[in-house]
């Protein structure tokens, strides 16, 4: 069976941490920033972890083995 390719969209959006968790960026921080508060923009700037419910789905997109 041929190896599965990694989803290009997923590899641009997600990354693995050293412990194997998946980190992601927050949404709503790319445009229309003038109407958002400074505090909100600052909080959206940090990365966070993918929720436990979505981890399996994201791992399947990232790992070329298909899991």
PDB file of N, CA and C in Angstrom:
ATOM      1  N   UNK A   1       0.840  -1.181   0.000  1.00  0.00           N
ATOM      2  CA  UNK A   1       0.000   0.000   0.000  1.00  0.00           C
ATOM      3  C   UNK A   1       0.886   1.246   0.000  1.00  0.00           C
ATOM      4  N   UNK A   2       0.584   2.240  -0.830  1.00  0.00           N
ATOM      5  CA  UNK A   2       1.426   3.434  -0.876  1.00  0.00           C
ATOM      6  C   UNK A   2       1.282   4.263   0.403  1.00  0.00           C
ATOM      7  N   UNK A   3       2.304   5.047   0.688  1.00  0.00           N
ATOM      8  CA  UNK A   3       2.254   5.898   1.880  1.00  0.00           C
ATOM      9  C   UNK A   3       1.326   7.077   1.611  1.00  0.00           C
ATOM     10  N   UNK A   4       0.657   7.528   2.645  1.00  0.00           N
ATOM     11  CA  UNK A   4      -0.256   8.657   2.516  1.00  0.00           C
ATOM     12  C   UNK A   4       0.514   9.966   2.672  1.00  0.00           C
ATOM     13  N   UNK A   5       0.088  10.962   1.934  1.00  0.00           N
ATOM     14  CA  UNK A   5       0.752  12.262   2.014  1.00  0.00           C
ATOM     15  C   UNK A   5       0.207  13.049   3.199  1.00  0.00           C
ATOM     16  N   UNK A   6       1.059  13.893   3.770  1.00  0.00           N
ATOM     17  CA  UNK A   6       0.637  14.811   4.814  1.00  0.00           C
ATOM     18  C   UNK A   6      -0.195  15.908   4.173  1.00  0.00           C
ATOM     19  N   UNK A   7      -1.265  16.317   4.835  1.00  0.00           N
ATOM     20  CA  UNK A   7      -2.095  17.413   4.324  1.00  0.00           C
ATOM     21  C   UNK A   7      -1.304  18.713   4.402  1.00  0.00           C
ATOM     22  N   UNK A   8      -1.151  19.393   3.270  1.00  0.00           N
ATOM     23  CA  UNK A   8      -0.362  20.628   3.224  1.00  0.00           C
ATOM     24  C   UNK A   8      -0.974  21.713   4.095  1.00  0.00           C
ATOM     25  N   UNK A   9      -2.303  21.773   4.137  1.00  0.00           N
ATOM     26  CA  UNK A   9      -2.952  22.800   4.953  1.00  0.00           C
ATOM     27  C   UNK A   9      -2.689  22.564   6.437  1.00  0.00           C
ATOM     28  N   UNK A  10      -2.627  21.303   6.843  1.00  0.00           N
ATOM     29  CA  UNK A  10      -2.419  20.989   8.256  1.00  0.00           C
ATOM     30  C   UNK A  10      -0.991  21.282   8.687  1.00  0.00           C
ATOM     31  N   UNK A  11      -0.020  20.987   7.828  1.00  0.00           N
ATOM     32  CA  UNK A  11       1.367  21.216   8.240  1.00  0.00           C
ATOM     33  C   UNK A  11       1.693  22.703   8.342  1.00  0.00           C
ATOM     34  N   UNK A  12       0.888  23.552   7.687  1.00  0.00           N
ATOM     35  CA  UNK A  12       1.083  24.994   7.807  1.00  0.00           C
ATOM     36  C   UNK A  12       0.456  25.546   9.087  1.00  0.00           C
ATOM     37  N   UNK A  13      -0.539  24.849   9.625  1.00  0.00           N
ATOM     38  CA  UNK A  13      -1.312  25.371  10.751  1.00  0.00           C
ATOM     39  C   UNK A  13      -0.958  24.771  12.101  1.00  0.00           C
ATOM     40  N   UNK A  14      -0.416  23.560  12.119  1.00  0.00           N
ATOM     41  CA  UNK A  14      -0.171  22.865  13.380  1.00  0.00           C
ATOM     42  C   UNK A  14       1.292  22.464  13.504  1.00  0.00           C
ATOM     43  N   UNK A  15       1.730  22.281  14.756  1.00  0.00           N
ATOM     44  CA  UNK A  15       3.091  21.806  15.014  1.00  0.00           C
ATOM     45  C   UNK A  15       3.072  20.977  16.288  1.00  0.00           C
ATOM     46  N   UNK A  16       3.982  20.021  16.369  1.00  0.00           N
ATOM     47  CA  UNK A  16       4.082  19.180  17.557  1.00  0.00           C
ATOM     48  C   UNK A  16       4.964  19.847  18.601  1.00  0.00           C
ATOM     49  N   UNK A  17       4.623  19.668  19.873  1.00  0.00           N
ATOM     50  CA  UNK A  17       5.480  20.126  20.958  1.00  0.00           C
ATOM     51  C   UNK A  17       6.476  19.013  21.264  1.00  0.00           C
ATOM     52  N   UNK A  18       7.380  19.268  22.174  1.00  0.00           N
ATOM     53  CA  UNK A  18       8.370  18.269  22.532  1.00  0.00           C
ATOM     54  C   UNK A  18       7.769  17.047  23.197  1.00  0.00           C
ATOM     55  N   UNK A  19       6.614  17.220  23.854  1.00  0.00           N
ATOM     56  CA  UNK A  19       5.975  16.100  24.541  1.00  0.00           C
ATOM     57  C   UNK A  19       4.952  15.383  23.667  1.00  0.00           C
ATOM     58  N   UNK A  20       4.798  15.825  22.413  1.00  0.00           N
ATOM     59  CA  UNK A  20       3.901  15.137  21.497  1.00  0.00           C
ATOM     60  C   UNK A  20       2.521  15.745  21.385  1.00  0.00           C
ATOM     61  N   UNK A  21       2.255  16.829  22.104  1.00  0.00           N
ATOM     62  CA  UNK A  21       0.969  17.501  21.965  1.00  0.00           C
ATOM     63  C   UNK A  21       1.009  18.355  20.693  1.00  0.00           C
ATOM     64  N   UNK A  22      -0.129  18.828  20.265  1.00  0.00           N
ATOM     65  CA  UNK A  22      -0.206  19.615  19.037  1.00  0.00           C
ATOM     66  C   UNK A  22      -0.569  21.047  19.400  1.00  0.00           C
ATOM     67  N   UNK A  23       0.214  21.996  18.906  1.00  0.00           N
ATOM     68  CA  UNK A  23      -0.095  23.392  19.183  1.00  0.00           C
ATOM     69  C   UNK A  23      -0.652  24.063  17.937  1.00  0.00           C
ATOM     70  N   UNK A  24      -1.432  25.105  18.188  1.00  0.00           N
ATOM     71  CA  UNK A  24      -2.084  25.843  17.112  1.00  0.00           C
ATOM     72  C   UNK A  24      -2.117  27.320  17.454  1.00  0.00           C
ATOM     73  N   UNK A  25      -2.422  28.138  16.454  1.00  0.00           N
ATOM     74  CA  UNK A  25      -2.584  29.572  16.671  1.00  0.00           C
ATOM     75  C   UNK A  25      -4.056  29.880  16.877  1.00  0.00           C
ATOM     76  N   UNK A  26      -4.328  31.031  17.485  1.00  0.00           N
ATOM     77  CA  UNK A  26      -5.701  31.475  17.677  1.00  0.00           C
ATOM     78  C   UNK A  26      -6.260  32.051  16.385  1.00  0.00           C
ATOM     79  N   UNK A  27      -7.556  31.945  16.216  1.00  0.00           N
ATOM     80  CA  UNK A  27      -8.226  32.560  15.076  1.00  0.00           C
ATOM     81  C   UNK A  27      -8.487  34.041  15.370  1.00  0.00           C
ATOM     82  N   UNK A  28      -8.983  34.764  14.381  1.00  0.00           N
ATOM     83  CA  UNK A  28      -9.390  36.172  14.503  1.00  0.00           C
ATOM     84  C   UNK A  28      -8.231  37.120  14.776  1.00  0.00           C
ATOM     85  N   UNK A  29      -7.039  36.806  14.301  1.00  0.00           N
ATOM     86  CA  UNK A  29      -5.906  37.697  14.532  1.00  0.00           C
ATOM     87  C   UNK A  29      -5.187  38.043  13.232  1.00  0.00           C
ATOM     88  N   UNK A  30      -5.896  37.947  12.103  1.00  0.00           N
ATOM     89  CA  UNK A  30      -5.225  38.197  10.829  1.00  0.00           C
ATOM     90  C   UNK A  30      -5.650  39.510  10.176  1.00  0.00           C
ATOM     91  N   UNK A  31      -6.904  39.904  10.324  1.00  0.00           N
ATOM     92  CA  UNK A  31      -7.346  41.168   9.729  1.00  0.00           C
ATOM     93  C   UNK A  31      -8.532  41.716  10.506  1.00  0.00           C
ATOM     94  N   UNK A  32      -8.973  42.911  10.145  1.00  0.00           N
ATOM     95  CA  UNK A  32     -10.014  43.666  10.865  1.00  0.00           C
ATOM     96  C   UNK A  32      -9.631  43.804  12.342  1.00  0.00           C
ATOM     97  N   UNK A  33      -8.436  44.321  12.570  1.00  0.00           N
ATOM     98  CA  UNK A  33      -7.926  44.427  13.937  1.00  0.00           C
ATOM     99  C   UNK A  33      -8.243  45.772  14.581  1.00  0.00           C
ATOM    100  N   UNK A  34      -8.701  46.748  13.804  1.00  0.00           N
ATOM    101  CA  UNK A  34      -8.910  48.087  14.369  1.00  0.00           C
ATOM    102  C   UNK A  34     -10.055  48.116  15.369  1.00  0.00           C
ATOM    103  N   UNK A  35     -11.072  47.275  15.173  1.00  0.00           N
ATOM    104  CA  UNK A  35     -12.215  47.292  16.089  1.00  0.00           C
ATOM    105  C   UNK A  35     -12.012  46.404  17.308  1.00  0.00           C
ATOM    106  N   UNK A  36     -10.915  45.666  17.371  1.00  0.00           N
ATOM    107  CA  UNK A  36     -10.668  44.774  18.499  1.00  0.00           C
ATOM    108  C   UNK A  36      -9.811  45.483  19.550  1.00  0.00           C
ATOM    109  N   UNK A  37     -10.094  45.172  20.793  1.00  0.00           N
ATOM    110  CA  UNK A  37      -9.343  45.765  21.903  1.00  0.00           C
ATOM    111  C   UNK A  37      -7.903  45.271  21.907  1.00  0.00           C
ATOM    112  N   UNK A  38      -7.026  46.077  22.451  1.00  0.00           N
ATOM    113  CA  UNK A  38      -5.615  45.717  22.537  1.00  0.00           C
ATOM    114  C   UNK A  38      -5.422  44.448  23.346  1.00  0.00           C
ATOM    115  N   UNK A  39      -6.188  44.312  24.422  1.00  0.00           N
ATOM    116  CA  UNK A  39      -6.085  43.123  25.267  1.00  0.00           C
ATOM    117  C   UNK A  39      -6.471  41.873  24.489  1.00  0.00           C
ATOM    118  N   UNK A  40      -7.533  41.971  23.699  1.00  0.00           N
ATOM    119  CA  UNK A  40      -7.973  40.823  22.914  1.00  0.00           C
ATOM    120  C   UNK A  40      -6.912  40.435  21.892  1.00  0.00           C
ATOM    121  N   UNK A  41      -6.339  41.429  21.207  1.00  0.00           N
ATOM    122  CA  UNK A  41      -5.313  41.141  20.201  1.00  0.00           C
ATOM    123  C   UNK A  41      -4.079  40.527  20.842  1.00  0.00           C
ATOM    124  N   UNK A  42      -3.734  40.997  22.021  1.00  0.00           N
ATOM    125  CA  UNK A  42      -2.573  40.460  22.724  1.00  0.00           C
ATOM    126  C   UNK A  42      -2.814  39.001  23.137  1.00  0.00           C
ATOM    127  N   UNK A  43      -4.006  38.700  23.605  1.00  0.00           N
ATOM    128  CA  UNK A  43      -4.322  37.335  24.009  1.00  0.00           C
ATOM    129  C   UNK A  43      -4.388  36.383  22.821  1.00  0.00           C
ATOM    130  N   UNK A  44      -4.811  36.870  21.672  1.00  0.00           N
ATOM    131  CA  UNK A  44      -4.893  36.033  20.477  1.00  0.00           C
ATOM    132  C   UNK A  44      -3.524  35.752  19.882  1.00  0.00           C
ATOM    133  N   UNK A  45      -2.516  36.496  20.310  1.00  0.00           N
ATOM    134  CA  UNK A  45      -1.170  36.369  19.741  1.00  0.00           C
ATOM    135  C   UNK A  45      -0.467  35.095  20.202  1.00  0.00           C
ATOM    136  N   UNK A  46      -0.877  34.555  21.351  1.00  0.00           N
ATOM    137  CA  UNK A  46      -0.209  33.377  21.902  1.00  0.00           C
ATOM    138  C   UNK A  46      -0.694  32.095  21.222  1.00  0.00           C
ATOM    139  N   UNK A  47       0.130  31.062  21.277  1.00  0.00           N
ATOM    140  CA  UNK A  47      -0.300  29.760  20.763  1.00  0.00           C
ATOM    141  C   UNK A  47      -0.977  28.982  21.888  1.00  0.00           C
ATOM    142  N   UNK A  48      -1.757  27.996  21.512  1.00  0.00           N
ATOM    143  CA  UNK A  48      -2.441  27.154  22.480  1.00  0.00           C
ATOM    144  C   UNK A  48      -2.441  25.726  21.957  1.00  0.00           C
ATOM    145  N   UNK A  49      -2.943  24.815  22.741  1.00  0.00           N
ATOM    146  CA  UNK A  49      -2.955  23.414  22.340  1.00  0.00           C
ATOM    147  C   UNK A  49      -4.287  23.052  21.680  1.00  0.00           C
ATOM    148  N   UNK A  50      -4.228  22.090  20.788  1.00  0.00           N
ATOM    149  CA  UNK A  50      -5.432  21.565  20.150  1.00  0.00           C
ATOM    150  C   UNK A  50      -6.228  20.812  21.204  1.00  0.00           C
ATOM    151  N   UNK A  51      -7.548  20.933  21.166  1.00  0.00           N
ATOM    152  CA  UNK A  51      -8.380  20.267  22.157  1.00  0.00           C
ATOM    153  C   UNK A  51      -8.265  18.750  22.025  1.00  0.00           C
ATOM    154  N   UNK A  52      -8.545  18.071  23.119  1.00  0.00           N
ATOM    155  CA  UNK A  52      -8.407  16.616  23.155  1.00  0.00           C
ATOM    156  C   UNK A  52      -9.334  15.937  22.148  1.00  0.00           C
ATOM    157  N   UNK A  53     -10.493  16.554  21.887  1.00  0.00           N
ATOM    158  CA  UNK A  53     -11.458  15.984  20.953  1.00  0.00           C
ATOM    159  C   UNK A  53     -10.956  16.033  19.508  1.00  0.00           C
ATOM    160  N   UNK A  54     -10.163  17.030  19.177  1.00  0.00           N
ATOM    161  CA  UNK A  54      -9.687  17.200  17.796  1.00  0.00           C
ATOM    162  C   UNK A  54      -8.314  16.592  17.563  1.00  0.00           C
ATOM    163  N   UNK A  55      -7.633  16.150  18.617  1.00  0.00           N
ATOM    164  CA  UNK A  55      -6.257  15.664  18.478  1.00  0.00           C
ATOM    165  C   UNK A  55      -6.128  14.516  17.486  1.00  0.00           C
ATOM    166  N   UNK A  56      -7.017  13.545  17.577  1.00  0.00           N
ATOM    167  CA  UNK A  56      -6.933  12.375  16.699  1.00  0.00           C
ATOM    168  C   UNK A  56      -7.067  12.781  15.235  1.00  0.00           C
ATOM    169  N   UNK A  57      -7.993  13.687  14.956  1.00  0.00           N
ATOM    170  CA  UNK A  57      -8.236  14.147  13.597  1.00  0.00           C
ATOM    171  C   UNK A  57      -7.020  14.889  13.033  1.00  0.00           C
ATOM    172  N   UNK A  58      -6.425  15.744  13.856  1.00  0.00           N
ATOM    173  CA  UNK A  58      -5.279  16.535  13.402  1.00  0.00           C
ATOM    174  C   UNK A  58      -4.053  15.641  13.220  1.00  0.00           C
ATOM    175  N   UNK A  59      -3.855  14.683  14.135  1.00  0.00           N
ATOM    176  CA  UNK A  59      -2.721  13.774  14.003  1.00  0.00           C
ATOM    177  C   UNK A  59      -2.805  12.978  12.709  1.00  0.00           C
ATOM    178  N   UNK A  60      -4.038  12.584  12.340  1.00  0.00           N
ATOM    179  CA  UNK A  60      -4.206  11.816  11.115  1.00  0.00           C
ATOM    180  C   UNK A  60      -3.849  12.660   9.885  1.00  0.00           C
ATOM    181  N   UNK A  61      -4.098  13.952   9.961  1.00  0.00           N
ATOM    182  CA  UNK A  61      -3.744  14.832   8.841  1.00  0.00           C
ATOM    183  C   UNK A  61      -2.241  15.073   8.773  1.00  0.00           C
ATOM    184  N   UNK A  62      -1.584  15.077   9.942  1.00  0.00           N
ATOM    185  CA  UNK A  62      -0.163  15.422   9.989  1.00  0.00           C
ATOM    186  C   UNK A  62       0.759  14.233   9.722  1.00  0.00           C
ATOM    187  N   UNK A  63       0.412  13.076  10.246  1.00  0.00           N
ATOM    188  CA  UNK A  63       1.289  11.923  10.122  1.00  0.00           C
ATOM    189  C   UNK A  63       1.023  11.207   8.805  1.00  0.00           C
ATOM    190  N   UNK A  64       2.074  11.018   8.041  1.00  0.00           N
ATOM    191  CA  UNK A  64       1.916  10.423   6.705  1.00  0.00           C
ATOM    192  C   UNK A  64       1.586   8.943   6.767  1.00  0.00           C
ATOM    193  N   UNK A  65       1.742   8.317   7.937  1.00  0.00           N
ATOM    194  CA  UNK A  65       1.433   6.885   8.042  1.00  0.00           C
ATOM    195  C   UNK A  65      -0.053   6.612   8.075  1.00  0.00           C
ATOM    196  N   UNK A  66      -0.855   7.676   8.282  1.00  0.00           N
ATOM    197  CA  UNK A  66      -2.292   7.508   8.324  1.00  0.00           C
ATOM    198  C   UNK A  66      -2.816   7.127   9.687  1.00  0.00           C
ATOM    199  N   UNK A  67      -1.967   6.656  10.568  1.00  0.00           N
ATOM    200  CA  UNK A  67      -2.278   6.241  11.924  1.00  0.00           C
ATOM    201  C   UNK A  67      -3.357   5.254  11.974  1.00  0.00           C
TER     202      UNK A  67
END
